C-alpha atoms as a PDB file:
ATOM      1  CA  UNK A   1       1.870 -20.023   6.593  1.00  0.00           C
ATOM      2  CA  UNK A   2       1.916 -17.525   9.448  1.00  0.00           C
ATOM      3  CA  UNK A   3       0.124 -20.051  11.646  1.00  0.00           C
ATOM      4  CA  UNK A   4       2.554 -22.775  10.538  1.00  0.00           C
ATOM      5  CA  UNK A   5       5.517 -20.612  11.547  1.00  0.00           C
ATOM      6  CA  UNK A   6       3.941 -19.766  14.880  1.00  0.00           C
ATOM      7  CA  UNK A   7       3.131 -23.432  15.440  1.00  0.00           C
ATOM      8  CA  UNK A   8       6.745 -24.328  14.657  1.00  0.00           C
ATOM      9  CA  UNK A   9       7.983 -21.688  17.101  1.00  0.00           C
ATOM     10  CA  UNK A  10       5.644 -22.835  19.857  1.00  0.00           C
ATOM     11  CA  UNK A  11       6.350 -26.507  19.126  1.00  0.00           C
ATOM     12  CA  UNK A  12      10.097 -26.071  19.281  1.00  0.00           C
ATOM     13  CA  UNK A  13       9.901 -24.025  22.467  1.00  0.00           C
ATOM     14  CA  UNK A  14       7.672 -26.632  24.091  1.00  0.00           C
ATOM     15  CA  UNK A  15      10.102 -29.405  23.157  1.00  0.00           C
ATOM     16  CA  UNK A  16      12.791 -27.685  25.187  1.00  0.00           C
ATOM     17  CA  UNK A  17      14.879 -25.683  22.749  1.00  0.00           C
ATOM     18  CA  UNK A  18      17.253 -22.947  23.788  1.00  0.00           C
ATOM     19  CA  UNK A  19      16.436 -19.396  22.719  1.00  0.00           C
ATOM     20  CA  UNK A  20      19.430 -17.351  21.670  1.00  0.00           C
ATOM     21  CA  UNK A  21      20.264 -14.459  19.379  1.00  0.00           C
ATOM     22  CA  UNK A  22      22.821 -14.386  16.595  1.00  0.00           C
ATOM     23  CA  UNK A  23      23.882 -12.463  13.521  1.00  0.00           C
ATOM     24  CA  UNK A  24      22.702 -13.084   9.989  1.00  0.00           C
ATOM     25  CA  UNK A  25      24.089 -16.194   8.327  1.00  0.00           C
ATOM     26  CA  UNK A  26      23.169 -15.184   4.778  1.00  0.00           C
ATOM     27  CA  UNK A  27      26.187 -14.943   2.520  1.00  0.00           C
ATOM     28  CA  UNK A  28      27.403 -12.326   1.885  1.00  0.00           C
ATOM     29  CA  UNK A  29      24.671 -10.067   3.248  1.00  0.00           C
ATOM     30  CA  UNK A  30      24.611  -6.352   2.632  1.00  0.00           C
ATOM     31  CA  UNK A  31      25.442  -3.896   5.413  1.00  0.00           C
ATOM     32  CA  UNK A  32      22.948  -3.966   8.266  1.00  0.00           C
ATOM     33  CA  UNK A  33      21.346  -7.312   7.382  1.00  0.00           C
ATOM     34  CA  UNK A  34      20.701  -9.119  10.665  1.00  0.00           C
ATOM     35  CA  UNK A  35      19.270 -12.391  11.844  1.00  0.00           C
ATOM     36  CA  UNK A  36      17.818 -13.182  15.241  1.00  0.00           C
ATOM     37  CA  UNK A  37      17.567 -16.813  16.243  1.00  0.00           C
ATOM     38  CA  UNK A  38      14.127 -17.454  17.705  1.00  0.00           C
ATOM     39  CA  UNK A  39      14.157 -21.203  18.144  1.00  0.00           C
ATOM     40  CA  UNK A  40      15.952 -24.381  17.157  1.00  0.00           C
ATOM     41  CA  UNK A  41      15.313 -28.054  17.713  1.00  0.00           C
ATOM     42  CA  UNK A  42      16.635 -31.295  16.282  1.00  0.00           C
ATOM     43  CA  UNK A  43      14.487 -34.324  15.568  1.00  0.00           C
ATOM     44  CA  UNK A  44      16.444 -37.276  14.244  1.00  0.00           C
ATOM     45  CA  UNK A  45      18.902 -35.914  11.689  1.00  0.00           C
ATOM     46  CA  UNK A  46      16.902 -32.757  10.931  1.00  0.00           C
ATOM     47  CA  UNK A  47      17.276 -29.278  12.429  1.00  0.00           C
ATOM     48  CA  UNK A  48      14.206 -27.030  12.580  1.00  0.00           C
ATOM     49  CA  UNK A  49      15.255 -23.417  12.980  1.00  0.00           C
ATOM     50  CA  UNK A  50      13.105 -20.289  13.212  1.00  0.00           C
ATOM     51  CA  UNK A  51      14.809 -16.933  12.652  1.00  0.00           C
ATOM     52  CA  UNK A  52      13.797 -13.342  12.162  1.00  0.00           C
ATOM     53  CA  UNK A  53      15.781 -11.802   9.295  1.00  0.00           C
ATOM     54  CA  UNK A  54      15.865  -8.030   8.767  1.00  0.00           C
ATOM     55  CA  UNK A  55      17.099  -6.480   5.511  1.00  0.00           C
ATOM     56  CA  UNK A  56      17.456  -2.676   5.442  1.00  0.00           C
ATOM     57  CA  UNK A  57      16.216  -0.695   2.420  1.00  0.00           C
ATOM     58  CA  UNK A  58      18.560  -1.063  -0.550  1.00  0.00           C
ATOM     59  CA  UNK A  59      20.321  -4.170   0.806  1.00  0.00           C
ATOM     60  CA  UNK A  60      20.279  -7.882  -0.041  1.00  0.00           C
ATOM     61  CA  UNK A  61      20.838 -11.304   1.482  1.00  0.00           C
ATOM     62  CA  UNK A  62      23.694 -12.047  -0.904  1.00  0.00           C
ATOM     63  CA  UNK A  63      23.761 -14.983  -3.344  1.00  0.00           C
ATOM     64  CA  UNK A  64      23.239 -18.297  -1.575  1.00  0.00           C
ATOM     65  CA  UNK A  65      21.324 -21.549  -1.353  1.00  0.00           C
ATOM     66  CA  UNK A  66      20.072 -23.677   1.536  1.00  0.00           C
ATOM     67  CA  UNK A  67      20.734 -27.369   2.183  1.00  0.00           C
ATOM     68  CA  UNK A  68      17.016 -27.953   2.805  1.00  0.00           C
ATOM     69  CA  UNK A  69      13.667 -26.270   2.257  1.00  0.00           C
ATOM     70  CA  UNK A  70      13.021 -22.831   3.693  1.00  0.00           C
ATOM     71  CA  UNK A  71       9.659 -21.170   4.323  1.00  0.00           C
ATOM     72  CA  UNK A  72       9.352 -17.442   4.895  1.00  0.00           C
ATOM     73  CA  UNK A  73       6.601 -15.098   5.992  1.00  0.00           C
ATOM     74  CA  UNK A  74       6.961 -11.391   5.105  1.00  0.00           C
ATOM     75  CA  UNK A  75       6.073  -9.615   8.332  1.00  0.00           C
ATOM     76  CA  UNK A  76       7.016  -6.142   7.066  1.00  0.00           C
ATOM     77  CA  UNK A  77       8.143  -4.622   3.778  1.00  0.00           C
ATOM     78  CA  UNK A  78       8.545  -6.268   0.393  1.00  0.00           C
ATOM     79  CA  UNK A  79      10.928  -9.048  -0.659  1.00  0.00           C
ATOM     80  CA  UNK A  80      12.145  -9.059  -4.271  1.00  0.00           C
ATOM     81  CA  UNK A  81      13.423 -12.569  -5.023  1.00  0.00           C
ATOM     82  CA  UNK A  82      15.887 -13.402  -7.815  1.00  0.00           C
ATOM     83  CA  UNK A  83      17.251 -16.704  -9.137  1.00  0.00           C
ATOM     84  CA  UNK A  84      20.659 -17.347 -10.689  1.00  0.00           C
ATOM     85  CA  UNK A  85      19.389 -16.525 -14.198  1.00  0.00           C
ATOM     86  CA  UNK A  86      19.149 -12.912 -12.892  1.00  0.00           C
ATOM     87  CA  UNK A  87      15.376 -12.859 -13.427  1.00  0.00           C
ATOM     88  CA  UNK A  88      13.056 -11.732 -10.674  1.00  0.00           C
ATOM     89  CA  UNK A  89      10.936 -14.755  -9.801  1.00  0.00           C
ATOM     90  CA  UNK A  90       8.655 -13.115  -7.268  1.00  0.00           C
ATOM     91  CA  UNK A  91       7.744 -10.016  -5.300  1.00  0.00           C
ATOM     92  CA  UNK A  92       6.405 -10.837  -1.835  1.00  0.00           C
ATOM     93  CA  UNK A  93       4.590  -8.128   0.098  1.00  0.00           C
ATOM     94  CA  UNK A  94       3.663  -7.916   3.773  1.00  0.00           C
ATOM     95  CA  UNK A  95       1.494 -10.870   4.773  1.00  0.00           C
ATOM     96  CA  UNK A  96       2.645 -13.210   2.000  1.00  0.00           C
ATOM     97  CA  UNK A  97       4.776 -16.352   2.079  1.00  0.00           C
ATOM     98  CA  UNK A  98       7.700 -17.633   0.047  1.00  0.00           C
ATOM     99  CA  UNK A  99       9.072 -21.162  -0.283  1.00  0.00           C
ATOM    100  CA  UNK A 100      12.603 -22.059  -1.332  1.00  0.00           C
ATOM    101  CA  UNK A 101      13.090 -25.763  -2.148  1.00  0.00           C
ATOM    102  CA  UNK A 102      16.769 -25.927  -1.187  1.00  0.00           C
ATOM    103  CA  UNK A 103      19.832 -27.479  -2.750  1.00  0.00           C
ATOM    104  CA  UNK A 104      22.605 -26.076  -4.966  1.00  0.00           C
ATOM    105  CA  UNK A 105      20.256 -25.884  -7.958  1.00  0.00           C
ATOM    106  CA  UNK A 106      18.258 -23.198  -6.091  1.00  0.00           C
ATOM    107  CA  UNK A 107      20.782 -20.327  -5.973  1.00  0.00           C
ATOM    108  CA  UNK A 108      18.969 -17.097  -5.182  1.00  0.00           C
ATOM    109  CA  UNK A 109      19.158 -13.602  -3.743  1.00  0.00           C
ATOM    110  CA  UNK A 110      16.605 -11.636  -1.712  1.00  0.00           C
ATOM    111  CA  UNK A 111      16.558  -7.854  -2.015  1.00  0.00           C
ATOM    112  CA  UNK A 112      14.785  -5.049  -0.223  1.00  0.00           C
ATOM    113  CA  UNK A 113      14.070  -2.563  -2.989  1.00  0.00           C
ATOM    114  CA  UNK A 114      11.603  -0.640  -0.830  1.00  0.00           C
ATOM    115  CA  UNK A 115      11.966   2.225   1.637  1.00  0.00           C
ATOM    116  CA  UNK A 116      11.132   0.367   4.871  1.00  0.00           C
ATOM    117  CA  UNK A 117      13.046  -2.463   6.550  1.00  0.00           C
ATOM    118  CA  UNK A 118      12.117  -5.932   5.296  1.00  0.00           C
ATOM    119  CA  UNK A 119      11.371  -8.328   8.165  1.00  0.00           C
ATOM    120  CA  UNK A 120      10.998 -12.040   7.446  1.00  0.00           C
ATOM    121  CA  UNK A 121      10.007 -14.864   9.781  1.00  0.00           C
ATOM    122  CA  UNK A 122      11.892 -17.856   8.386  1.00  0.00           C
ATOM    123  CA  UNK A 123      11.613 -21.585   9.064  1.00  0.00           C
ATOM    124  CA  UNK A 124      14.662 -23.615   7.945  1.00  0.00           C
ATOM    125  CA  UNK A 125      14.400 -27.420   7.682  1.00  0.00           C
ATOM    126  CA  UNK A 126      18.009 -28.538   7.375  1.00  0.00           C
ATOM    127  CA  UNK A 127      20.188 -31.608   7.729  1.00  0.00           C
ATOM    128  CA  UNK A 128      21.557 -31.676  11.279  1.00  0.00           C
ATOM    129  CA  UNK A 129      24.489 -29.281  11.623  1.00  0.00           C
ATOM    130  CA  UNK A 130      24.054 -27.599   8.223  1.00  0.00           C
ATOM    131  CA  UNK A 131      24.550 -23.824   8.046  1.00  0.00           C
ATOM    132  CA  UNK A 132      21.564 -21.547   7.440  1.00  0.00           C
ATOM    133  CA  UNK A 133      22.890 -20.854   3.943  1.00  0.00           C
ATOM    134  CA  UNK A 134      25.767 -21.710   1.624  1.00  0.00           C
ATOM    135  CA  UNK A 135      27.687 -18.820   0.071  1.00  0.00           C
ATOM    136  CA  UNK A 136      27.992 -18.732  -3.715  1.00  0.00           C
ATOM    137  CA  UNK A 137      29.546 -16.122  -5.995  1.00  0.00           C
ATOM    138  CA  UNK A 138      27.392 -13.752  -8.010  1.00  0.00           C
ATOM    139  CA  UNK A 139      26.247 -15.885 -10.982  1.00  0.00           C
ATOM    140  CA  UNK A 140      26.895 -13.023 -13.402  1.00  0.00           C
ATOM    141  CA  UNK A 141      24.051 -10.651 -12.597  1.00  0.00           C
ATOM    142  CA  UNK A 142      24.698  -6.900 -12.748  1.00  0.00           C
ATOM    143  CA  UNK A 143      23.379  -6.475  -9.209  1.00  0.00           C
ATOM    144  CA  UNK A 144      24.163  -7.905  -5.783  1.00  0.00           C
END
């Protein structure tokens, strides 16, 4: 997966994308959650976006879903991943990958329950013009 993300970054840079920085688009993220736009390109009606997302210890991405599949590589820290049934569906440590299929049936939350910042390299494959994530209310879990 790491090679796939790097290939996507290199491929999008080579195809002439603009490199810019932005703030996190996760909804609603906890304090200090940031996102850095690495690369974006559009082919047909699909946007390919690579971002670096940082989640401080004790914070979360907020409840959300994506309009297309998302692939993440944990560069640092540990990601605890929860679905809308409030059950933890995975713990992803440094060097591992996570896949989110996308769509409103895939509501989830990422949390950093560790003591070091969580840094993710994320590839979004989205319909052209779609936001990085769609905000949803807490589905009834006793945590955010």
